[in-house]
Amino acid sequence: LADWWCHRPAAMLGLPAGIREGAPANFVAFDPDGRCTVDGRSLQHRHPVTPYDGSTLRGRVEYVWLRGRVIVKNGTLAGACVGRALGVGDATSNEPVRIDPT
């Protein structure tokens, strides 16, 4: 799964992947036994419509680090984060994209 979800997408975008010196500190701490109930109204994306609304799912993202900064803590966004919108061939773009959790 790490290869499919981490290394291959990074390679497609020309980004470094893996844990090594000089690589960005991008990590996710995932609790496979955690549970979460989906509430479409509180989802942090553009379209809060989901077929999973009200469903309890197994597995929970606890923490996310983006370039060494905690952006998700205990499953909740920990303030605004800055990233770049990437598409195939866009990895060299330095135009920042601000994501507001509210």
PDB file of N, CA and C in Angstrom:
ATOM      1  N   LEU A   1       0.822  -1.199   0.000  1.00  0.00           N
ATOM      2  CA  LEU A   1       0.000   0.000   0.000  1.00  0.00           C
ATOM      3  C   LEU A   1       0.861   1.256   0.000  1.00  0.00           C
ATOM      4  N   ALA A   2       1.965   1.232   0.744  1.00  0.00           N
ATOM      5  CA  ALA A   2       2.835   2.413   0.770  1.00  0.00           C
ATOM      6  C   ALA A   2       3.349   2.728  -0.624  1.00  0.00           C
ATOM      7  N   ASP A   3       3.649   1.702  -1.391  1.00  0.00           N
ATOM      8  CA  ASP A   3       4.129   1.932  -2.759  1.00  0.00           C
ATOM      9  C   ASP A   3       3.032   2.566  -3.612  1.00  0.00           C
ATOM     10  N   TRP A   4       1.822   2.036  -3.538  1.00  0.00           N
ATOM     11  CA  TRP A   4       0.709   2.571  -4.331  1.00  0.00           C
ATOM     12  C   TRP A   4       0.329   3.981  -3.916  1.00  0.00           C
ATOM     13  N   TRP A   5       0.261   4.236  -2.611  1.00  0.00           N
ATOM     14  CA  TRP A   5      -0.286   5.487  -2.111  1.00  0.00           C
ATOM     15  C   TRP A   5       0.765   6.560  -1.896  1.00  0.00           C
ATOM     16  N   CYS A   6       2.026   6.204  -1.829  1.00  0.00           N
ATOM     17  CA  CYS A   6       3.076   7.180  -1.515  1.00  0.00           C
ATOM     18  C   CYS A   6       4.117   7.286  -2.621  1.00  0.00           C
ATOM     19  N   HIS A   7       4.783   6.195  -2.869  1.00  0.00           N
ATOM     20  CA  HIS A   7       5.913   6.242  -3.798  1.00  0.00           C
ATOM     21  C   HIS A   7       5.484   6.465  -5.243  1.00  0.00           C
ATOM     22  N   ARG A   8       4.481   5.765  -5.716  1.00  0.00           N
ATOM     23  CA  ARG A   8       4.065   5.929  -7.119  1.00  0.00           C
ATOM     24  C   ARG A   8       3.509   7.312  -7.412  1.00  0.00           C
ATOM     25  N   PRO A   9       2.597   7.863  -6.576  1.00  0.00           N
ATOM     26  CA  PRO A   9       2.137   9.227  -6.860  1.00  0.00           C
ATOM     27  C   PRO A   9       3.275  10.239  -6.817  1.00  0.00           C
ATOM     28  N   ALA A  10       4.189  10.087  -5.870  1.00  0.00           N
ATOM     29  CA  ALA A  10       5.329  11.006  -5.792  1.00  0.00           C
ATOM     30  C   ALA A  10       6.177  10.898  -7.046  1.00  0.00           C
ATOM     31  N   ALA A  11       6.419   9.672  -7.506  1.00  0.00           N
ATOM     32  CA  ALA A  11       7.228   9.475  -8.715  1.00  0.00           C
ATOM     33  C   ALA A  11       6.545  10.098  -9.932  1.00  0.00           C
ATOM     34  N   MET A  12       5.212   9.966 -10.024  1.00  0.00           N
ATOM     35  CA  MET A  12       4.476  10.559 -11.149  1.00  0.00           C
ATOM     36  C   MET A  12       4.636  12.068 -11.184  1.00  0.00           C
ATOM     37  N   LEU A  13       4.754  12.686 -10.000  1.00  0.00           N
ATOM     38  CA  LEU A  13       4.871  14.136  -9.907  1.00  0.00           C
ATOM     39  C   LEU A  13       6.309  14.608  -9.818  1.00  0.00           C
ATOM     40  N   GLY A  14       7.242  13.664  -9.843  1.00  0.00           N
ATOM     41  CA  GLY A  14       8.647  14.027  -9.781  1.00  0.00           C
ATOM     42  C   GLY A  14       9.082  14.496  -8.406  1.00  0.00           C
ATOM     43  N   LEU A  15       8.378  14.032  -7.355  1.00  0.00           N
ATOM     44  CA  LEU A  15       8.685  14.429  -5.986  1.00  0.00           C
ATOM     45  C   LEU A  15       9.446  13.320  -5.263  1.00  0.00           C
ATOM     46  N   PRO A  16      10.276  13.689  -4.277  1.00  0.00           N
ATOM     47  CA  PRO A  16      10.963  12.655  -3.503  1.00  0.00           C
ATOM     48  C   PRO A  16       9.977  11.915  -2.616  1.00  0.00           C
ATOM     49  N   ALA A  17      10.223  10.637  -2.399  1.00  0.00           N
ATOM     50  CA  ALA A  17       9.369   9.832  -1.522  1.00  0.00           C
ATOM     51  C   ALA A  17      10.252   8.998  -0.618  1.00  0.00           C
ATOM     52  N   GLY A  18       9.723   8.628   0.504  1.00  0.00           N
ATOM     53  CA  GLY A  18      10.465   7.793   1.428  1.00  0.00           C
ATOM     54  C   GLY A  18      11.035   8.603   2.574  1.00  0.00           C
ATOM     55  N   ILE A  19      11.552   7.887   3.550  1.00  0.00           N
ATOM     56  CA  ILE A  19      12.148   8.518   4.716  1.00  0.00           C
ATOM     57  C   ILE A  19      13.654   8.491   4.531  1.00  0.00           C
ATOM     58  N   ARG A  20      14.209   9.658   4.278  1.00  0.00           N
ATOM     59  CA  ARG A  20      15.663   9.764   4.090  1.00  0.00           C
ATOM     60  C   ARG A  20      16.070  11.236   4.234  1.00  0.00           C
ATOM     61  N   GLU A  21      17.329  11.435   4.454  1.00  0.00           N
ATOM     62  CA  GLU A  21      17.851  12.787   4.601  1.00  0.00           C
ATOM     63  C   GLU A  21      17.594  13.594   3.330  1.00  0.00           C
ATOM     64  N   GLY A  22      17.117  14.811   3.513  1.00  0.00           N
ATOM     65  CA  GLY A  22      16.854  15.701   2.388  1.00  0.00           C
ATOM     66  C   GLY A  22      15.444  15.592   1.825  1.00  0.00           C
ATOM     67  N   ALA A  23      14.706  14.545   2.192  1.00  0.00           N
ATOM     68  CA  ALA A  23      13.325  14.394   1.715  1.00  0.00           C
ATOM     69  C   ALA A  23      12.406  15.215   2.619  1.00  0.00           C
ATOM     70  N   PRO A  24      11.290  15.739   2.078  1.00  0.00           N
ATOM     71  CA  PRO A  24      10.364  16.491   2.933  1.00  0.00           C
ATOM     72  C   PRO A  24       9.754  15.562   3.989  1.00  0.00           C
ATOM     73  N   ALA A  25       9.503  16.079   5.167  1.00  0.00           N
ATOM     74  CA  ALA A  25       8.935  15.289   6.261  1.00  0.00           C
ATOM     75  C   ALA A  25       7.421  15.281   6.141  1.00  0.00           C
ATOM     76  N   ASN A  26       6.906  14.487   5.208  1.00  0.00           N
ATOM     77  CA  ASN A  26       5.467  14.343   4.995  1.00  0.00           C
ATOM     78  C   ASN A  26       5.064  12.966   5.508  1.00  0.00           C
ATOM     79  N   PHE A  27       4.287  12.944   6.588  1.00  0.00           N
ATOM     80  CA  PHE A  27       3.908  11.681   7.206  1.00  0.00           C
ATOM     81  C   PHE A  27       2.448  11.703   7.603  1.00  0.00           C
ATOM     82  N   VAL A  28       1.864  10.504   7.729  1.00  0.00           N
ATOM     83  CA  VAL A  28       0.513  10.324   8.240  1.00  0.00           C
ATOM     84  C   VAL A  28       0.568   9.255   9.320  1.00  0.00           C
ATOM     85  N   ALA A  29      -0.032   9.535  10.482  1.00  0.00           N
ATOM     86  CA  ALA A  29      -0.190   8.536  11.539  1.00  0.00           C
ATOM     87  C   ALA A  29      -1.629   8.049  11.464  1.00  0.00           C
ATOM     88  N   PHE A  30      -1.798   6.771  11.136  1.00  0.00           N
ATOM     89  CA  PHE A  30      -3.112   6.177  10.884  1.00  0.00           C
ATOM     90  C   PHE A  30      -3.370   5.094  11.914  1.00  0.00           C
ATOM     91  N   ASP A  31      -4.522   5.145  12.569  1.00  0.00           N
ATOM     92  CA  ASP A  31      -4.921   4.124  13.531  1.00  0.00           C
ATOM     93  C   ASP A  31      -5.884   3.166  12.825  1.00  0.00           C
ATOM     94  N   PRO A  32      -5.430   1.965  12.458  1.00  0.00           N
ATOM     95  CA  PRO A  32      -6.304   1.043  11.726  1.00  0.00           C
ATOM     96  C   PRO A  32      -7.474   0.535  12.559  1.00  0.00           C
ATOM     97  N   ASP A  33      -7.393   0.621  13.892  1.00  0.00           N
ATOM     98  CA  ASP A  33      -8.476   0.161  14.753  1.00  0.00           C
ATOM     99  C   ASP A  33      -9.391   1.291  15.210  1.00  0.00           C
ATOM    100  N   GLY A  34      -9.019   2.529  14.887  1.00  0.00           N
ATOM    101  CA  GLY A  34      -9.838   3.680  15.264  1.00  0.00           C
ATOM    102  C   GLY A  34     -11.162   3.671  14.515  1.00  0.00           C
ATOM    103  N   ARG A  35     -12.122   4.359  15.035  1.00  0.00           N
ATOM    104  CA  ARG A  35     -13.441   4.455  14.408  1.00  0.00           C
ATOM    105  C   ARG A  35     -13.797   5.931  14.241  1.00  0.00           C
ATOM    106  N   CYS A  36     -14.526   6.227  13.182  1.00  0.00           N
ATOM    107  CA  CYS A  36     -15.043   7.583  13.003  1.00  0.00           C
ATOM    108  C   CYS A  36     -16.391   7.496  12.301  1.00  0.00           C
ATOM    109  N   THR A  37     -17.277   8.401  12.692  1.00  0.00           N
ATOM    110  CA  THR A  37     -18.595   8.486  12.062  1.00  0.00           C
ATOM    111  C   THR A  37     -18.578   9.675  11.124  1.00  0.00           C
ATOM    112  N   VAL A  38     -18.945   9.451   9.884  1.00  0.00           N
ATOM    113  CA  VAL A  38     -18.902  10.490   8.852  1.00  0.00           C
ATOM    114  C   VAL A  38     -20.091  11.429   9.016  1.00  0.00           C
ATOM    115  N   ASP A  39     -19.782  12.715   9.057  1.00  0.00           N
ATOM    116  CA  ASP A  39     -20.799  13.764   9.088  1.00  0.00           C
ATOM    117  C   ASP A  39     -20.529  14.656   7.880  1.00  0.00           C
ATOM    118  N   GLY A  40     -21.324  14.514   6.843  1.00  0.00           N
ATOM    119  CA  GLY A  40     -21.108  15.248   5.603  1.00  0.00           C
ATOM    120  C   GLY A  40     -21.006  16.747   5.784  1.00  0.00           C
ATOM    121  N   ARG A  41     -21.736  17.305   6.754  1.00  0.00           N
ATOM    122  CA  ARG A  41     -21.715  18.756   6.979  1.00  0.00           C
ATOM    123  C   ARG A  41     -20.388  19.239   7.541  1.00  0.00           C
ATOM    124  N   SER A  42     -19.629  18.354   8.190  1.00  0.00           N
ATOM    125  CA  SER A  42     -18.376  18.805   8.798  1.00  0.00           C
ATOM    126  C   SER A  42     -17.143  18.378   8.004  1.00  0.00           C
ATOM    127  N   LEU A  43     -17.343  17.792   6.832  1.00  0.00           N
ATOM    128  CA  LEU A  43     -16.197  17.379   6.020  1.00  0.00           C
ATOM    129  C   LEU A  43     -15.407  18.600   5.562  1.00  0.00           C
ATOM    130  N   GLN A  44     -14.105  18.448   5.491  1.00  0.00           N
ATOM    131  CA  GLN A  44     -13.212  19.550   5.142  1.00  0.00           C
ATOM    132  C   GLN A  44     -12.863  19.505   3.655  1.00  0.00           C
ATOM    133  N   HIS A  45     -13.866  19.469   2.810  1.00  0.00           N
ATOM    134  CA  HIS A  45     -13.618  19.559   1.376  1.00  0.00           C
ATOM    135  C   HIS A  45     -14.733  20.339   0.715  1.00  0.00           C
ATOM    136  N   ARG A  46     -14.563  20.582  -0.531  1.00  0.00           N
ATOM    137  CA  ARG A  46     -15.428  21.502  -1.263  1.00  0.00           C
ATOM    138  C   ARG A  46     -16.879  21.031  -1.366  1.00  0.00           C
ATOM    139  N   HIS A  47     -17.089  19.743  -1.511  1.00  0.00           N
ATOM    140  CA  HIS A  47     -18.445  19.214  -1.702  1.00  0.00           C
ATOM    141  C   HIS A  47     -18.791  18.269  -0.560  1.00  0.00           C
ATOM    142  N   PRO A  48     -19.594  18.714   0.403  1.00  0.00           N
ATOM    143  CA  PRO A  48     -19.886  17.900   1.574  1.00  0.00           C
ATOM    144  C   PRO A  48     -20.899  16.786   1.343  1.00  0.00           C
ATOM    145  N   VAL A  49     -21.209  16.468   0.108  1.00  0.00           N
ATOM    146  CA  VAL A  49     -22.136  15.389  -0.195  1.00  0.00           C
ATOM    147  C   VAL A  49     -21.342  14.083  -0.244  1.00  0.00           C
ATOM    148  N   THR A  50     -21.765  13.095   0.534  1.00  0.00           N
ATOM    149  CA  THR A  50     -21.072  11.823   0.560  1.00  0.00           C
ATOM    150  C   THR A  50     -22.057  10.692   0.801  1.00  0.00           C
ATOM    151  N   PRO A  51     -21.872   9.559   0.135  1.00  0.00           N
ATOM    152  CA  PRO A  51     -22.735   8.407   0.399  1.00  0.00           C
ATOM    153  C   PRO A  51     -22.438   7.771   1.760  1.00  0.00           C
ATOM    154  N   TYR A  52     -21.354   8.200   2.420  1.00  0.00           N
ATOM    155  CA  TYR A  52     -20.971   7.638   3.714  1.00  0.00           C
ATOM    156  C   TYR A  52     -21.528   8.418   4.896  1.00  0.00           C
ATOM    157  N   ASP A  53     -22.321   9.476   4.652  1.00  0.00           N
ATOM    158  CA  ASP A  53     -22.874  10.298   5.729  1.00  0.00           C
ATOM    159  C   ASP A  53     -23.607   9.405   6.733  1.00  0.00           C
ATOM    160  N   GLY A  54     -23.216   9.517   7.997  1.00  0.00           N
ATOM    161  CA  GLY A  54     -23.839   8.728   9.055  1.00  0.00           C
ATOM    162  C   GLY A  54     -23.211   7.352   9.259  1.00  0.00           C
ATOM    163  N   SER A  55     -22.342   6.937   8.363  1.00  0.00           N
ATOM    164  CA  SER A  55     -21.691   5.626   8.494  1.00  0.00           C
ATOM    165  C   SER A  55     -20.521   5.700   9.470  1.00  0.00           C
ATOM    166  N   THR A  56     -20.330   4.623  10.215  1.00  0.00           N
ATOM    167  CA  THR A  56     -19.157   4.513  11.069  1.00  0.00           C
ATOM    168  C   THR A  56     -18.120   3.694  10.320  1.00  0.00           C
ATOM    169  N   LEU A  57     -16.936   4.268  10.162  1.00  0.00           N
ATOM    170  CA  LEU A  57     -15.861   3.639   9.399  1.00  0.00           C
ATOM    171  C   LEU A  57     -14.747   3.196  10.328  1.00  0.00           C
ATOM    172  N   ARG A  58     -14.088   2.112   9.953  1.00  0.00           N
ATOM    173  CA  ARG A  58     -12.930   1.643  10.716  1.00  0.00           C
ATOM    174  C   ARG A  58     -11.678   2.249  10.109  1.00  0.00           C
ATOM    175  N   GLY A  59     -10.773   2.719  10.968  1.00  0.00           N
ATOM    176  CA  GLY A  59      -9.557   3.375  10.524  1.00  0.00           C
ATOM    177  C   GLY A  59      -9.722   4.874  10.660  1.00  0.00           C
ATOM    178  N   ARG A  60      -8.672   5.519  11.168  1.00  0.00           N
ATOM    179  CA  ARG A  60      -8.770   6.954  11.417  1.00  0.00           C
ATOM    180  C   ARG A  60      -7.396   7.598  11.268  1.00  0.00           C
ATOM    181  N   VAL A  61      -7.347   8.703  10.546  1.00  0.00           N
ATOM    182  CA  VAL A  61      -6.123   9.494  10.446  1.00  0.00           C
ATOM    183  C   VAL A  61      -6.019  10.299  11.733  1.00  0.00           C
ATOM    184  N   GLU A  62      -4.929  10.088  12.471  1.00  0.00           N
ATOM    185  CA  GLU A  62      -4.738  10.788  13.737  1.00  0.00           C
ATOM    186  C   GLU A  62      -3.906  12.056  13.576  1.00  0.00           C
ATOM    187  N   TYR A  63      -2.783  11.946  12.850  1.00  0.00           N
ATOM    188  CA  TYR A  63      -1.885  13.075  12.649  1.00  0.00           C
ATOM    189  C   TYR A  63      -1.430  13.113  11.197  1.00  0.00           C
ATOM    190  N   VAL A  64      -1.197  14.328  10.700  1.00  0.00           N
ATOM    191  CA  VAL A  64      -0.576  14.523   9.391  1.00  0.00           C
ATOM    192  C   VAL A  64       0.489  15.597   9.557  1.00  0.00           C
ATOM    193  N   TRP A  65       1.683  15.298   9.059  1.00  0.00           N
ATOM    194  CA  TRP A  65       2.777  16.261   9.041  1.00  0.00           C
ATOM    195  C   TRP A  65       3.054  16.632   7.591  1.00  0.00           C
ATOM    196  N   LEU A  66       3.084  17.905   7.286  1.00  0.00           N
ATOM    197  CA  LEU A  66       3.395  18.395   5.949  1.00  0.00           C
ATOM    198  C   LEU A  66       4.671  19.226   6.057  1.00  0.00           C
ATOM    199  N   ARG A  67       5.732  18.731   5.426  1.00  0.00           N
ATOM    200  CA  ARG A  67       7.046  19.357   5.515  1.00  0.00           C
ATOM    201  C   ARG A  67       7.443  19.629   6.967  1.00  0.00           C
ATOM    202  N   GLY A  68       7.143  18.663   7.851  1.00  0.00           N
ATOM    203  CA  GLY A  68       7.537  18.743   9.247  1.00  0.00           C
ATOM    204  C   GLY A  68       6.578  19.491  10.158  1.00  0.00           C
ATOM    205  N   ARG A  69       5.533  20.113   9.595  1.00  0.00           N
ATOM    206  CA  ARG A  69       4.543  20.844  10.393  1.00  0.00           C
ATOM    207  C   ARG A  69       3.302  19.985  10.598  1.00  0.00           C
ATOM    208  N   VAL A  70       2.790  19.945  11.834  1.00  0.00           N
ATOM    209  CA  VAL A  70       1.553  19.213  12.106  1.00  0.00           C
ATOM    210  C   VAL A  70       0.396  20.004  11.508  1.00  0.00           C
ATOM    211  N   ILE A  71      -0.350  19.369  10.607  1.00  0.00           N
ATOM    212  CA  ILE A  71      -1.524  20.048  10.038  1.00  0.00           C
ATOM    213  C   ILE A  71      -2.823  19.355  10.435  1.00  0.00           C
ATOM    214  N   VAL A  72      -2.739  18.108  10.916  1.00  0.00           N
ATOM    215  CA  VAL A  72      -3.893  17.404  11.482  1.00  0.00           C
ATOM    216  C   VAL A  72      -3.437  16.828  12.816  1.00  0.00           C
ATOM    217  N   LYS A  73      -4.217  17.100  13.866  1.00  0.00           N
ATOM    218  CA  LYS A  73      -3.887  16.616  15.207  1.00  0.00           C
ATOM    219  C   LYS A  73      -5.138  15.997  15.801  1.00  0.00           C
ATOM    220  N   ASN A  74      -5.027  14.752  16.239  1.00  0.00           N
ATOM    221  CA  ASN A  74      -6.178  14.017  16.785  1.00  0.00           C
ATOM    222  C   ASN A  74      -7.355  14.004  15.814  1.00  0.00           C
ATOM    223  N   GLY A  75      -7.055  13.876  14.532  1.00  0.00           N
ATOM    224  CA  GLY A  75      -8.090  13.763  13.515  1.00  0.00           C
ATOM    225  C   GLY A  75      -8.738  15.064  13.088  1.00  0.00           C
ATOM    226  N   THR A  76      -8.239  16.200  13.585  1.00  0.00           N
ATOM    227  CA  THR A  76      -8.834  17.502  13.276  1.00  0.00           C
ATOM    228  C   THR A  76      -7.775  18.424  12.691  1.00  0.00           C
ATOM    229  N   LEU A  77      -8.161  19.236  11.702  1.00  0.00           N
ATOM    230  CA  LEU A  77      -7.216  20.200  11.151  1.00  0.00           C
ATOM    231  C   LEU A  77      -6.694  21.098  12.255  1.00  0.00           C
ATOM    232  N   ALA A  78      -5.381  21.301  12.260  1.00  0.00           N
ATOM    233  CA  ALA A  78      -4.728  22.076  13.316  1.00  0.00           C
ATOM    234  C   ALA A  78      -4.334  23.454  12.805  1.00  0.00           C
ATOM    235  N   GLY A  79      -5.242  24.148  12.129  1.00  0.00           N
ATOM    236  CA  GLY A  79      -4.961  25.474  11.586  1.00  0.00           C
ATOM    237  C   GLY A  79      -4.773  25.416  10.088  1.00  0.00           C
ATOM    238  N   ALA A  80      -4.616  26.585   9.502  1.00  0.00           N
ATOM    239  CA  ALA A  80      -4.444  26.669   8.050  1.00  0.00           C
ATOM    240  C   ALA A  80      -3.096  26.069   7.657  1.00  0.00           C
ATOM    241  N   CYS A  81      -3.065  25.444   6.515  1.00  0.00           N
ATOM    242  CA  CYS A  81      -1.808  24.899   6.011  1.00  0.00           C
ATOM    243  C   CYS A  81      -1.571  25.469   4.613  1.00  0.00           C
ATOM    244  N   VAL A  82      -0.348  25.462   4.218  1.00  0.00           N
ATOM    245  CA  VAL A  82       0.013  25.970   2.900  1.00  0.00           C
ATOM    246  C   VAL A  82       0.595  24.823   2.104  1.00  0.00           C
ATOM    247  N   GLY A  83       0.101  24.641   0.910  1.00  0.00           N
ATOM    248  CA  GLY A  83       0.604  23.594   0.039  1.00  0.00           C
ATOM    249  C   GLY A  83       0.558  24.057  -1.394  1.00  0.00           C
ATOM    250  N   ARG A  84       0.832  23.167  -2.294  1.00  0.00           N
ATOM    251  CA  ARG A  84       0.783  23.473  -3.720  1.00  0.00           C
ATOM    252  C   ARG A  84      -0.183  22.523  -4.392  1.00  0.00           C
ATOM    253  N   ALA A  85      -0.992  23.041  -5.297  1.00  0.00           N
ATOM    254  CA  ALA A  85      -1.839  22.186  -6.121  1.00  0.00           C
ATOM    255  C   ALA A  85      -0.944  21.552  -7.172  1.00  0.00           C
ATOM    256  N   LEU A  86      -0.941  20.230  -7.236  1.00  0.00           N
ATOM    257  CA  LEU A  86      -0.064  19.527  -8.162  1.00  0.00           C
ATOM    258  C   LEU A  86      -0.861  18.678  -9.133  1.00  0.00           C
ATOM    259  N   GLY A  87      -0.409  18.649 -10.334  1.00  0.00           N
ATOM    260  CA  GLY A  87      -0.903  17.738 -11.347  1.00  0.00           C
ATOM    261  C   GLY A  87       0.313  17.150 -12.027  1.00  0.00           C
ATOM    262  N   VAL A  88       0.117  16.172 -12.853  1.00  0.00           N
ATOM    263  CA  VAL A  88       1.250  15.560 -13.547  1.00  0.00           C
ATOM    264  C   VAL A  88       2.008  16.644 -14.293  1.00  0.00           C
ATOM    265  N   GLY A  89       3.304  16.743 -14.042  1.00  0.00           N
ATOM    266  CA  GLY A  89       4.135  17.751 -14.683  1.00  0.00           C
ATOM    267  C   GLY A  89       4.196  19.073 -13.955  1.00  0.00           C
ATOM    268  N   ASP A  90       3.438  19.227 -12.848  1.00  0.00           N
ATOM    269  CA  ASP A  90       3.386  20.490 -12.117  1.00  0.00           C
ATOM    270  C   ASP A  90       4.310  20.532 -10.899  1.00  0.00           C
ATOM    271  N   ALA A  91       5.089  19.519 -10.663  1.00  0.00           N
ATOM    272  CA  ALA A  91       5.865  19.424  -9.430  1.00  0.00           C
ATOM    273  C   ALA A  91       6.880  20.546  -9.276  1.00  0.00           C
ATOM    274  N   THR A  92       7.252  21.193 -10.347  1.00  0.00           N
ATOM    275  CA  THR A  92       8.236  22.268 -10.237  1.00  0.00           C
ATOM    276  C   THR A  92       7.597  23.620  -9.974  1.00  0.00           C
ATOM    277  N   SER A  93       6.270  23.698  -9.989  1.00  0.00           N
ATOM    278  CA  SER A  93       5.579  24.956  -9.716  1.00  0.00           C
ATOM    279  C   SER A  93       5.758  25.341  -8.254  1.00  0.00           C
ATOM    280  N   ASN A  94       6.040  26.599  -7.979  1.00  0.00           N
ATOM    281  CA  ASN A  94       6.202  27.066  -6.609  1.00  0.00           C
ATOM    282  C   ASN A  94       5.054  27.945  -6.158  1.00  0.00           C
ATOM    283  N   GLU A  95       3.965  27.959  -6.907  1.00  0.00           N
ATOM    284  CA  GLU A  95       2.828  28.802  -6.540  1.00  0.00           C
ATOM    285  C   GLU A  95       2.103  28.197  -5.342  1.00  0.00           C
ATOM    286  N   PRO A  96       2.062  28.898  -4.183  1.00  0.00           N
ATOM    287  CA  PRO A  96       1.430  28.344  -2.995  1.00  0.00           C
ATOM    288  C   PRO A  96      -0.086  28.380  -3.094  1.00  0.00           C
ATOM    289  N   VAL A  97      -0.710  27.434  -2.417  1.00  0.00           N
ATOM    290  CA  VAL A  97      -2.156  27.371  -2.304  1.00  0.00           C
ATOM    291  C   VAL A  97      -2.468  27.341  -0.824  1.00  0.00           C
ATOM    292  N   ARG A  98      -3.282  28.284  -0.334  1.00  0.00           N
ATOM    293  CA  ARG A  98      -3.627  28.308   1.093  1.00  0.00           C
ATOM    294  C   ARG A  98      -4.940  27.557   1.274  1.00  0.00           C
ATOM    295  N   ILE A  99      -4.935  26.677   2.268  1.00  0.00           N
ATOM    296  CA  ILE A  99      -6.109  25.875   2.586  1.00  0.00           C
ATOM    297  C   ILE A  99      -6.621  26.344   3.938  1.00  0.00           C
ATOM    298  N   ASP A 100      -7.837  26.861   3.992  1.00  0.00           N
ATOM    299  CA  ASP A 100      -8.411  27.359   5.230  1.00  0.00           C
ATOM    300  C   ASP A 100      -9.350  26.299   5.792  1.00  0.00           C
ATOM    301  N   PRO A 101      -9.125  25.820   7.027  1.00  0.00           N
ATOM    302  CA  PRO A 101      -9.935  24.746   7.568  1.00  0.00           C
ATOM    303  C   PRO A 101     -11.347  25.147   7.964  1.00  0.00           C
ATOM    304  N   THR A 102     -11.704  26.421   7.863  1.00  0.00           N
ATOM    305  CA  THR A 102     -13.038  26.829   8.287  1.00  0.00           C
ATOM    306  C   THR A 102     -14.000  26.844   7.133  1.00  0.00           C
TER     307      THR A 102
END
